[in-house]
N, C-alpha and C. Protein backbone atom coordinates (compact mmCIF):
# COMPACT_ATOMS: atom_id res chain seq x y z
N UNK A 1 0.85 -1.17 0.00
CA UNK A 1 0.00 0.00 0.00
C UNK A 1 0.90 1.24 0.00
N UNK A 2 0.66 2.23 -0.90
CA UNK A 2 1.51 3.41 -0.94
C UNK A 2 1.31 4.28 0.29
N UNK A 3 2.36 5.00 0.64
CA UNK A 3 2.29 5.91 1.80
C UNK A 3 1.30 7.03 1.51
N UNK A 4 0.56 7.37 2.52
CA UNK A 4 -0.44 8.43 2.37
C UNK A 4 0.21 9.79 2.60
N UNK A 5 -0.07 10.72 1.72
CA UNK A 5 0.46 12.07 1.87
C UNK A 5 -0.37 12.79 2.93
N UNK A 6 0.26 13.18 4.01
CA UNK A 6 -0.48 13.83 5.10
C UNK A 6 -0.34 15.35 5.08
N UNK A 7 0.44 15.88 4.13
CA UNK A 7 0.57 17.33 4.04
C UNK A 7 -0.68 17.93 3.43
N UNK A 8 -1.13 19.02 4.02
CA UNK A 8 -2.27 19.73 3.47
C UNK A 8 -1.75 20.81 2.54
N UNK A 9 -2.49 21.05 1.49
CA UNK A 9 -2.16 22.15 0.60
C UNK A 9 -2.77 23.42 1.18
N UNK A 10 -1.97 24.43 1.35
CA UNK A 10 -2.46 25.69 1.87
C UNK A 10 -2.61 26.64 0.69
N UNK A 11 -3.83 27.10 0.48
CA UNK A 11 -4.08 28.02 -0.62
C UNK A 11 -3.64 29.42 -0.26
N UNK A 12 -3.07 30.11 -1.25
CA UNK A 12 -2.75 31.53 -1.08
C UNK A 12 -4.07 32.27 -0.94
N UNK A 13 -4.13 33.24 -0.03
CA UNK A 13 -5.37 34.00 0.07
C UNK A 13 -5.57 34.85 -1.19
N UNK A 14 -6.83 34.99 -1.60
CA UNK A 14 -7.14 35.83 -2.76
C UNK A 14 -6.77 37.28 -2.46
N UNK A 15 -6.95 37.68 -1.22
CA UNK A 15 -6.59 39.03 -0.79
C UNK A 15 -5.58 38.88 0.34
N UNK A 16 -4.33 39.31 0.12
CA UNK A 16 -3.34 39.22 1.20
C UNK A 16 -3.72 40.14 2.35
N UNK A 17 -3.29 39.82 3.55
CA UNK A 17 -3.63 40.62 4.73
C UNK A 17 -3.06 42.03 4.67
N UNK A 18 -2.01 42.23 3.90
CA UNK A 18 -1.43 43.56 3.71
C UNK A 18 -1.41 43.88 2.22
N UNK A 19 -1.93 45.03 1.88
CA UNK A 19 -1.96 45.50 0.50
C UNK A 19 -1.09 46.75 0.44
N UNK A 20 -0.09 46.71 -0.42
CA UNK A 20 0.79 47.87 -0.61
C UNK A 20 0.53 48.45 -1.98
N UNK A 21 0.28 49.74 -2.02
CA UNK A 21 0.03 50.38 -3.31
C UNK A 21 0.00 51.88 -3.17
N UNK A 22 -0.32 52.52 -4.26
CA UNK A 22 -0.41 53.97 -4.28
C UNK A 22 -1.88 54.39 -4.22
N UNK A 23 -2.10 55.61 -3.79
CA UNK A 23 -3.45 56.18 -3.79
C UNK A 23 -3.73 56.65 -5.21
N UNK A 24 -4.54 55.88 -5.93
CA UNK A 24 -4.81 56.18 -7.33
C UNK A 24 -5.80 57.33 -7.51
N UNK A 25 -6.68 57.53 -6.53
CA UNK A 25 -7.64 58.62 -6.61
C UNK A 25 -8.24 58.85 -5.23
N UNK A 26 -8.64 60.08 -4.96
CA UNK A 26 -9.31 60.42 -3.70
C UNK A 26 -10.67 61.02 -4.06
N UNK A 27 -11.73 60.36 -3.64
CA UNK A 27 -13.10 60.80 -3.88
C UNK A 27 -13.62 61.53 -2.65
N UNK A 28 -14.57 62.42 -2.85
CA UNK A 28 -15.17 63.16 -1.74
C UNK A 28 -16.29 62.39 -1.06
N UNK A 29 -17.05 63.08 -0.24
CA UNK A 29 -18.17 62.49 0.49
C UNK A 29 -19.33 62.18 -0.46
N UNK A 30 -20.13 61.20 -0.06
CA UNK A 30 -21.36 60.82 -0.78
C UNK A 30 -21.10 60.56 -2.26
N UNK A 31 -20.01 59.87 -2.55
CA UNK A 31 -19.68 59.61 -3.95
C UNK A 31 -20.41 58.39 -4.47
N UNK A 32 -21.13 58.56 -5.58
CA UNK A 32 -21.84 57.49 -6.27
C UNK A 32 -20.86 56.78 -7.19
N UNK A 33 -20.52 55.56 -6.89
CA UNK A 33 -19.49 54.81 -7.62
C UNK A 33 -19.86 54.63 -9.09
N UNK A 34 -21.13 54.67 -9.44
CA UNK A 34 -21.53 54.52 -10.84
C UNK A 34 -20.90 55.60 -11.72
N UNK A 35 -20.58 56.74 -11.14
CA UNK A 35 -20.04 57.85 -11.92
C UNK A 35 -18.65 57.56 -12.49
N UNK A 36 -17.93 56.57 -11.95
CA UNK A 36 -16.59 56.30 -12.48
C UNK A 36 -16.63 55.66 -13.87
N UNK A 37 -17.77 55.09 -14.25
CA UNK A 37 -17.91 54.56 -15.61
C UNK A 37 -19.01 55.27 -16.38
N UNK A 38 -19.74 56.14 -15.70
CA UNK A 38 -20.87 56.82 -16.32
C UNK A 38 -22.12 55.97 -16.18
N UNK A 39 -23.20 56.58 -15.80
CA UNK A 39 -24.44 55.83 -15.55
C UNK A 39 -24.94 55.10 -16.79
N UNK A 40 -24.54 55.57 -17.97
CA UNK A 40 -24.96 54.89 -19.21
C UNK A 40 -24.30 53.52 -19.36
N UNK A 41 -23.30 53.21 -18.54
CA UNK A 41 -22.56 51.95 -18.66
C UNK A 41 -22.80 50.98 -17.50
N UNK A 42 -23.73 51.29 -16.62
CA UNK A 42 -23.87 50.46 -15.41
C UNK A 42 -24.44 49.07 -15.65
N UNK A 43 -24.94 48.81 -16.84
CA UNK A 43 -25.50 47.48 -17.12
C UNK A 43 -24.53 46.58 -17.87
N UNK A 44 -23.33 47.08 -18.14
CA UNK A 44 -22.35 46.31 -18.90
C UNK A 44 -21.32 45.66 -17.99
N UNK A 45 -20.88 44.48 -18.40
CA UNK A 45 -19.79 43.79 -17.71
C UNK A 45 -18.61 43.55 -18.64
N UNK A 46 -18.77 43.91 -19.91
CA UNK A 46 -17.74 43.72 -20.91
C UNK A 46 -16.61 44.73 -20.68
N UNK A 47 -15.43 44.23 -20.38
CA UNK A 47 -14.29 45.11 -20.10
C UNK A 47 -13.90 45.96 -21.30
N UNK A 48 -14.16 45.48 -22.52
CA UNK A 48 -13.88 46.29 -23.70
C UNK A 48 -14.75 47.54 -23.73
N UNK A 49 -15.89 47.49 -23.08
CA UNK A 49 -16.78 48.66 -22.98
C UNK A 49 -16.46 49.49 -21.73
N UNK A 50 -16.17 48.81 -20.61
CA UNK A 50 -15.98 49.51 -19.34
C UNK A 50 -14.63 50.22 -19.22
N UNK A 51 -13.56 49.56 -19.62
CA UNK A 51 -12.23 50.17 -19.44
C UNK A 51 -12.08 51.52 -20.12
N UNK A 52 -12.53 51.69 -21.38
CA UNK A 52 -12.39 53.01 -22.00
C UNK A 52 -13.23 54.10 -21.30
N UNK A 53 -14.28 53.70 -20.61
CA UNK A 53 -15.14 54.67 -19.92
C UNK A 53 -14.64 54.99 -18.51
N UNK A 54 -13.78 54.15 -17.97
CA UNK A 54 -13.36 54.26 -16.57
C UNK A 54 -12.67 55.59 -16.28
N UNK A 55 -13.25 56.37 -15.42
CA UNK A 55 -12.73 57.64 -14.90
C UNK A 55 -12.55 58.72 -15.97
N UNK A 56 -13.14 58.56 -17.16
CA UNK A 56 -12.98 59.55 -18.22
C UNK A 56 -13.48 60.93 -17.80
N UNK A 57 -14.49 60.99 -16.96
CA UNK A 57 -15.01 62.29 -16.51
C UNK A 57 -14.07 62.97 -15.52
N UNK A 58 -13.11 62.24 -14.98
CA UNK A 58 -12.23 62.78 -13.94
C UNK A 58 -10.78 62.90 -14.39
N UNK A 59 -10.29 61.89 -15.11
CA UNK A 59 -8.89 61.86 -15.52
C UNK A 59 -8.77 60.96 -16.75
N UNK A 60 -8.55 61.58 -17.90
CA UNK A 60 -8.45 60.83 -19.18
C UNK A 60 -7.35 59.76 -19.14
N UNK A 61 -6.29 60.00 -18.38
CA UNK A 61 -5.17 59.07 -18.34
C UNK A 61 -5.19 58.09 -17.17
N UNK A 62 -6.31 58.00 -16.48
CA UNK A 62 -6.40 57.17 -15.28
C UNK A 62 -6.01 55.72 -15.55
N UNK A 63 -6.63 55.10 -16.55
CA UNK A 63 -6.40 53.68 -16.83
C UNK A 63 -4.92 53.40 -17.10
N UNK A 64 -4.26 54.30 -17.81
CA UNK A 64 -2.85 54.11 -18.14
C UNK A 64 -1.93 54.37 -16.94
N UNK A 65 -2.37 55.17 -15.98
CA UNK A 65 -1.49 55.54 -14.86
C UNK A 65 -1.61 54.64 -13.64
N UNK A 66 -2.67 53.85 -13.56
CA UNK A 66 -2.87 52.96 -12.41
C UNK A 66 -2.00 51.72 -12.55
N UNK A 67 -1.46 51.28 -11.40
CA UNK A 67 -0.66 50.06 -11.37
C UNK A 67 -1.35 49.01 -10.49
N UNK A 68 -0.99 47.78 -10.73
CA UNK A 68 -1.48 46.66 -9.91
C UNK A 68 -1.16 46.93 -8.45
N UNK A 69 -2.17 46.83 -7.59
CA UNK A 69 -1.99 47.04 -6.16
C UNK A 69 -2.41 48.40 -5.66
N UNK A 70 -2.72 49.32 -6.58
CA UNK A 70 -3.16 50.66 -6.16
C UNK A 70 -4.50 50.58 -5.45
N UNK A 71 -4.80 51.62 -4.68
CA UNK A 71 -6.03 51.68 -3.90
C UNK A 71 -6.77 52.99 -4.19
N UNK A 72 -8.05 52.98 -3.90
CA UNK A 72 -8.87 54.19 -3.97
C UNK A 72 -9.11 54.68 -2.56
N UNK A 73 -9.25 55.98 -2.40
CA UNK A 73 -9.58 56.57 -1.10
C UNK A 73 -10.85 57.37 -1.28
N UNK A 74 -11.72 57.30 -0.29
CA UNK A 74 -12.99 58.02 -0.37
C UNK A 74 -13.35 58.68 0.94
N UNK A 75 -14.28 59.62 0.83
CA UNK A 75 -14.78 60.33 2.00
C UNK A 75 -15.87 59.54 2.70
N UNK A 76 -16.77 60.26 3.33
CA UNK A 76 -17.88 59.63 4.07
C UNK A 76 -18.94 59.13 3.09
N UNK A 77 -19.56 58.00 3.44
CA UNK A 77 -20.66 57.43 2.67
C UNK A 77 -20.24 57.07 1.24
N UNK A 78 -19.02 56.57 1.10
CA UNK A 78 -18.52 56.18 -0.22
C UNK A 78 -19.38 55.07 -0.80
N UNK A 79 -19.70 55.17 -2.09
CA UNK A 79 -20.52 54.15 -2.75
C UNK A 79 -22.00 54.46 -2.70
N UNK A 80 -22.33 55.67 -2.26
CA UNK A 80 -23.71 56.12 -2.17
C UNK A 80 -24.43 55.87 -3.50
N UNK A 81 -25.69 55.54 -3.43
CA UNK A 81 -26.49 55.28 -4.63
C UNK A 81 -26.84 53.82 -4.72
N UNK A 82 -27.19 53.38 -5.90
CA UNK A 82 -27.52 51.98 -6.12
C UNK A 82 -26.23 51.17 -6.19
N UNK A 83 -26.20 50.01 -5.55
CA UNK A 83 -24.96 49.22 -5.55
C UNK A 83 -24.80 48.39 -6.83
N UNK A 84 -24.39 49.04 -7.92
CA UNK A 84 -24.11 48.32 -9.16
C UNK A 84 -22.67 47.81 -9.13
N UNK A 85 -22.44 46.65 -9.73
CA UNK A 85 -21.12 46.03 -9.67
C UNK A 85 -20.16 46.41 -10.80
N UNK A 86 -20.62 46.79 -12.00
CA UNK A 86 -19.67 47.08 -13.08
C UNK A 86 -18.59 48.12 -12.77
N UNK A 87 -18.85 49.18 -11.99
CA UNK A 87 -17.75 50.12 -11.72
C UNK A 87 -16.55 49.46 -11.05
N UNK A 88 -16.80 48.57 -10.09
CA UNK A 88 -15.67 47.92 -9.42
C UNK A 88 -15.10 46.77 -10.26
N UNK A 89 -15.89 46.20 -11.14
CA UNK A 89 -15.35 45.23 -12.09
C UNK A 89 -14.29 45.94 -12.94
N UNK A 90 -14.62 47.15 -13.40
CA UNK A 90 -13.67 47.93 -14.20
C UNK A 90 -12.45 48.31 -13.37
N UNK A 91 -12.66 48.74 -12.12
CA UNK A 91 -11.52 49.12 -11.26
C UNK A 91 -10.59 47.93 -11.01
N UNK A 92 -11.18 46.76 -10.75
CA UNK A 92 -10.34 45.57 -10.54
C UNK A 92 -9.51 45.27 -11.79
N UNK A 93 -10.09 45.50 -12.96
CA UNK A 93 -9.40 45.16 -14.21
C UNK A 93 -8.15 46.00 -14.44
N UNK A 94 -8.06 47.16 -13.80
CA UNK A 94 -6.85 47.99 -13.95
C UNK A 94 -5.89 47.83 -12.78
N UNK A 95 -6.25 46.98 -11.81
CA UNK A 95 -5.33 46.67 -10.72
C UNK A 95 -5.69 47.22 -9.35
N UNK A 96 -6.82 47.90 -9.21
CA UNK A 96 -7.22 48.42 -7.89
C UNK A 96 -7.49 47.24 -6.96
N UNK A 97 -6.87 47.26 -5.78
CA UNK A 97 -6.95 46.12 -4.85
C UNK A 97 -7.76 46.38 -3.60
N UNK A 98 -8.05 47.65 -3.28
CA UNK A 98 -8.82 47.94 -2.07
C UNK A 98 -9.34 49.37 -2.14
N UNK A 99 -10.33 49.63 -1.28
CA UNK A 99 -10.83 50.99 -1.12
C UNK A 99 -10.79 51.30 0.37
N UNK A 100 -10.17 52.43 0.70
CA UNK A 100 -10.11 52.90 2.07
C UNK A 100 -10.90 54.20 2.10
N UNK A 101 -11.91 54.27 2.95
CA UNK A 101 -12.76 55.47 2.98
C UNK A 101 -13.10 55.81 4.43
N UNK A 102 -13.54 57.05 4.60
CA UNK A 102 -13.99 57.50 5.93
C UNK A 102 -15.14 56.60 6.40
N UNK A 103 -16.07 56.31 5.50
CA UNK A 103 -17.18 55.38 5.77
C UNK A 103 -17.79 54.96 4.44
N UNK A 104 -18.60 53.92 4.46
CA UNK A 104 -19.20 53.37 3.25
C UNK A 104 -20.71 53.34 3.33
N UNK A 105 -21.34 53.47 2.17
CA UNK A 105 -22.77 53.23 2.07
C UNK A 105 -22.99 51.75 2.35
N UNK A 106 -23.96 51.40 3.20
CA UNK A 106 -24.13 49.99 3.58
C UNK A 106 -24.36 49.03 2.41
N UNK A 107 -25.18 49.40 1.45
CA UNK A 107 -25.45 48.51 0.32
C UNK A 107 -24.21 48.28 -0.53
N UNK A 108 -23.46 49.33 -0.76
CA UNK A 108 -22.21 49.21 -1.51
C UNK A 108 -21.22 48.33 -0.74
N UNK A 109 -21.07 48.59 0.56
CA UNK A 109 -20.13 47.82 1.37
C UNK A 109 -20.46 46.33 1.31
N UNK A 110 -21.73 46.02 1.50
CA UNK A 110 -22.14 44.61 1.52
C UNK A 110 -21.86 43.94 0.18
N UNK A 111 -22.29 44.56 -0.90
CA UNK A 111 -22.12 43.96 -2.21
C UNK A 111 -20.68 43.76 -2.60
N UNK A 112 -19.86 44.78 -2.42
CA UNK A 112 -18.46 44.67 -2.85
C UNK A 112 -17.63 43.81 -1.91
N UNK A 113 -17.93 43.85 -0.62
CA UNK A 113 -17.22 42.96 0.31
C UNK A 113 -17.51 41.51 -0.06
N UNK A 114 -18.75 41.19 -0.34
CA UNK A 114 -19.11 39.82 -0.67
C UNK A 114 -18.61 39.42 -2.06
N UNK A 115 -18.20 40.39 -2.87
CA UNK A 115 -17.53 40.11 -4.14
C UNK A 115 -16.01 40.01 -3.96
N UNK A 116 -15.52 40.21 -2.74
CA UNK A 116 -14.11 40.01 -2.46
C UNK A 116 -13.23 41.25 -2.51
N UNK A 117 -13.82 42.45 -2.55
CA UNK A 117 -13.04 43.69 -2.55
C UNK A 117 -12.90 44.19 -1.12
N UNK A 118 -11.68 44.34 -0.61
CA UNK A 118 -11.52 44.89 0.73
C UNK A 118 -11.96 46.36 0.78
N UNK A 119 -12.92 46.64 1.63
CA UNK A 119 -13.41 48.00 1.86
C UNK A 119 -13.13 48.31 3.32
N UNK A 120 -12.21 49.25 3.56
CA UNK A 120 -11.72 49.52 4.90
C UNK A 120 -12.18 50.90 5.34
N UNK A 121 -12.98 50.94 6.39
CA UNK A 121 -13.41 52.22 6.96
C UNK A 121 -12.30 52.73 7.85
N UNK A 122 -11.81 53.93 7.54
CA UNK A 122 -10.64 54.47 8.23
C UNK A 122 -10.82 55.98 8.44
N UNK A 123 -11.33 56.38 9.61
CA UNK A 123 -11.48 57.81 9.88
C UNK A 123 -10.16 58.55 9.74
N UNK A 124 -10.21 59.69 9.05
CA UNK A 124 -9.02 60.52 8.87
C UNK A 124 -8.23 60.24 7.62
N UNK A 125 -8.61 59.25 6.83
CA UNK A 125 -7.81 58.86 5.67
C UNK A 125 -7.72 59.97 4.62
N UNK A 126 -8.78 60.72 4.38
CA UNK A 126 -8.73 61.73 3.31
C UNK A 126 -7.78 62.87 3.65
N UNK A 127 -7.62 63.16 4.92
CA UNK A 127 -6.68 64.22 5.33
C UNK A 127 -5.24 63.73 5.39
N UNK A 128 -5.05 62.41 5.45
CA UNK A 128 -3.72 61.84 5.66
C UNK A 128 -2.97 61.51 4.38
N UNK A 129 -3.66 61.55 3.22
CA UNK A 129 -3.00 61.14 1.98
C UNK A 129 -3.24 62.14 0.85
N UNK A 130 -2.36 62.06 -0.12
CA UNK A 130 -2.51 62.78 -1.38
C UNK A 130 -2.46 61.72 -2.49
N UNK A 131 -2.92 62.12 -3.67
CA UNK A 131 -2.87 61.21 -4.80
C UNK A 131 -1.43 60.78 -5.05
N UNK A 132 -1.26 59.50 -5.31
CA UNK A 132 -0.01 58.81 -5.60
C UNK A 132 0.86 58.56 -4.38
N UNK A 133 0.40 58.93 -3.18
CA UNK A 133 1.12 58.53 -1.98
C UNK A 133 1.17 57.01 -1.91
N UNK A 134 2.27 56.50 -1.41
CA UNK A 134 2.40 55.07 -1.16
C UNK A 134 1.77 54.77 0.20
N UNK A 135 0.90 53.77 0.27
CA UNK A 135 0.32 53.38 1.57
C UNK A 135 0.34 51.86 1.71
N UNK A 136 0.21 51.42 2.96
CA UNK A 136 0.09 49.99 3.30
C UNK A 136 -1.21 49.82 4.06
N UNK A 137 -2.04 48.94 3.57
CA UNK A 137 -3.33 48.67 4.18
C UNK A 137 -3.27 47.29 4.83
N UNK A 138 -3.30 47.29 6.15
CA UNK A 138 -3.32 46.04 6.93
C UNK A 138 -4.78 45.82 7.33
N UNK A 139 -5.59 45.42 6.36
CA UNK A 139 -7.04 45.37 6.57
C UNK A 139 -7.44 44.37 7.65
N UNK A 140 -6.74 43.28 7.77
CA UNK A 140 -7.13 42.24 8.72
C UNK A 140 -6.98 42.67 10.18
N UNK A 141 -6.06 43.62 10.42
CA UNK A 141 -5.84 44.10 11.79
C UNK A 141 -6.32 45.52 12.01
N UNK A 142 -6.83 46.15 10.94
CA UNK A 142 -7.39 47.49 11.08
C UNK A 142 -6.37 48.60 11.22
N UNK A 143 -5.36 48.60 10.35
CA UNK A 143 -4.35 49.67 10.37
C UNK A 143 -4.04 50.07 8.93
N UNK A 144 -3.80 51.37 8.75
CA UNK A 144 -3.40 51.88 7.45
C UNK A 144 -2.18 52.78 7.66
N UNK A 145 -1.06 52.40 7.02
CA UNK A 145 0.16 53.20 7.10
C UNK A 145 0.14 54.23 5.97
N UNK A 146 0.25 55.50 6.35
CA UNK A 146 0.26 56.60 5.38
C UNK A 146 1.51 57.44 5.62
N UNK A 147 1.84 58.35 4.70
CA UNK A 147 2.97 59.25 4.95
C UNK A 147 2.76 60.10 6.21
N UNK A 148 1.51 60.33 6.61
CA UNK A 148 1.21 61.13 7.79
C UNK A 148 1.24 60.31 9.08
N UNK A 149 1.39 59.00 8.98
CA UNK A 149 1.41 58.14 10.16
C UNK A 149 0.48 56.95 10.01
N UNK A 150 0.35 56.19 11.08
CA UNK A 150 -0.50 55.00 11.09
C UNK A 150 -1.88 55.38 11.61
N UNK A 151 -2.90 55.02 10.83
CA UNK A 151 -4.28 55.29 11.22
C UNK A 151 -4.97 54.00 11.64
N UNK A 152 -5.85 54.12 12.62
CA UNK A 152 -6.67 52.99 13.04
C UNK A 152 -7.85 52.87 12.09
N UNK A 153 -8.15 51.66 11.70
CA UNK A 153 -9.26 51.40 10.80
C UNK A 153 -10.16 50.32 11.41
N UNK A 154 -11.34 50.19 10.86
CA UNK A 154 -12.26 49.15 11.33
C UNK A 154 -11.70 47.78 10.97
N UNK A 155 -11.73 46.87 11.94
CA UNK A 155 -11.32 45.48 11.69
C UNK A 155 -12.52 44.70 11.20
N UNK A 156 -12.32 43.83 10.23
CA UNK A 156 -13.44 43.03 9.75
C UNK A 156 -13.78 41.92 10.75
N UNK A 157 -15.01 41.47 10.70
CA UNK A 157 -15.38 40.30 11.49
C UNK A 157 -14.62 39.10 10.94
N UNK A 158 -14.58 38.03 11.70
CA UNK A 158 -13.89 36.82 11.25
C UNK A 158 -14.52 36.30 9.95
N UNK A 159 -15.83 36.37 9.84
CA UNK A 159 -16.51 35.90 8.63
C UNK A 159 -16.11 36.75 7.42
N UNK A 160 -16.09 38.07 7.57
CA UNK A 160 -15.70 38.95 6.47
C UNK A 160 -14.25 38.69 6.09
N UNK A 161 -13.38 38.50 7.06
CA UNK A 161 -11.98 38.19 6.76
C UNK A 161 -11.88 36.90 5.95
N UNK A 162 -12.66 35.91 6.30
CA UNK A 162 -12.65 34.64 5.55
C UNK A 162 -13.17 34.85 4.13
N UNK A 163 -14.19 35.68 3.98
CA UNK A 163 -14.74 35.99 2.65
C UNK A 163 -13.66 36.65 1.79
N UNK A 164 -12.98 37.64 2.34
CA UNK A 164 -11.95 38.34 1.57
C UNK A 164 -10.79 37.42 1.21
N UNK A 165 -10.34 36.63 2.16
CA UNK A 165 -9.22 35.72 1.88
C UNK A 165 -9.58 34.68 0.82
N UNK A 166 -10.88 34.34 0.73
CA UNK A 166 -11.34 33.38 -0.27
C UNK A 166 -11.57 34.03 -1.63
N UNK A 167 -11.63 35.35 -1.67
CA UNK A 167 -11.89 36.02 -2.93
C UNK A 167 -13.36 36.26 -3.19
N UNK A 168 -14.17 36.23 -2.15
CA UNK A 168 -15.60 36.49 -2.28
C UNK A 168 -16.42 35.42 -1.60
N UNK A 169 -17.69 35.74 -1.36
CA UNK A 169 -18.54 34.80 -0.63
C UNK A 169 -18.81 33.52 -1.42
N UNK A 170 -18.93 33.62 -2.72
CA UNK A 170 -19.17 32.43 -3.53
C UNK A 170 -18.01 31.44 -3.40
N UNK A 171 -16.78 31.96 -3.52
CA UNK A 171 -15.61 31.09 -3.37
C UNK A 171 -15.54 30.48 -1.98
N UNK A 172 -15.88 31.27 -0.96
CA UNK A 172 -15.86 30.74 0.40
C UNK A 172 -16.89 29.63 0.56
N UNK A 173 -18.08 29.84 0.04
CA UNK A 173 -19.12 28.80 0.14
C UNK A 173 -18.70 27.52 -0.57
N UNK A 174 -18.05 27.66 -1.73
CA UNK A 174 -17.56 26.46 -2.42
C UNK A 174 -16.53 25.72 -1.58
N UNK A 175 -15.62 26.47 -0.96
CA UNK A 175 -14.61 25.84 -0.09
C UNK A 175 -15.26 25.15 1.10
N UNK A 176 -16.20 25.83 1.73
CA UNK A 176 -16.86 25.26 2.91
C UNK A 176 -17.65 24.01 2.55
N UNK A 177 -18.35 24.04 1.45
CA UNK A 177 -19.12 22.86 1.02
C UNK A 177 -18.19 21.71 0.67
N UNK A 178 -17.06 22.02 0.06
CA UNK A 178 -16.09 20.99 -0.28
C UNK A 178 -15.53 20.33 0.95
N UNK A 179 -15.29 21.10 1.99
CA UNK A 179 -14.77 20.55 3.25
C UNK A 179 -15.80 19.67 3.92
N UNK A 180 -17.06 20.07 3.85
CA UNK A 180 -18.11 19.27 4.49
C UNK A 180 -18.30 17.94 3.81
N UNK A 181 -18.11 17.93 2.49
CA UNK A 181 -18.28 16.69 1.75
C UNK A 181 -17.12 15.72 1.96
N UNK A 182 -15.97 16.25 2.29
CA UNK A 182 -14.77 15.40 2.39
C UNK A 182 -14.86 14.45 3.55
């Protein structure tokens, strides 16, 4: 009988506990995320349609200037409006890895968190950074390192942390069901 392999495979988390990147954009209070692609595009998921529209109303060169790992910063009630998913689909496609804001609209927070995007509520973030500043987001422990210092942020619940590490609630449910069947 062959020897049984007792080593477990440890999967890399979809979202690492620390995200290092630049501040790609700073949005103000009550920002409706649909505006980053234009409301005329909120029903599309085709990246060939979304990427050319991304941030055109704010910065024509945004798509070309963003790098993998960059983050967005927002004011209070970020994501206000209807929680449509295409704007963040487009942001993910250019490398945006997290959003740090003063606070989030509840519907937006729920939808995007369950899609696997780290949304970190961090009082004082808009005053602590400028565009293109390098920051470190330690979302799992609730800390954000900025050029102005370390800010305290909201820590996710254990369930939310598991969702983010899995890359979204769907992926987590698949993993959990797979474990139960084993």
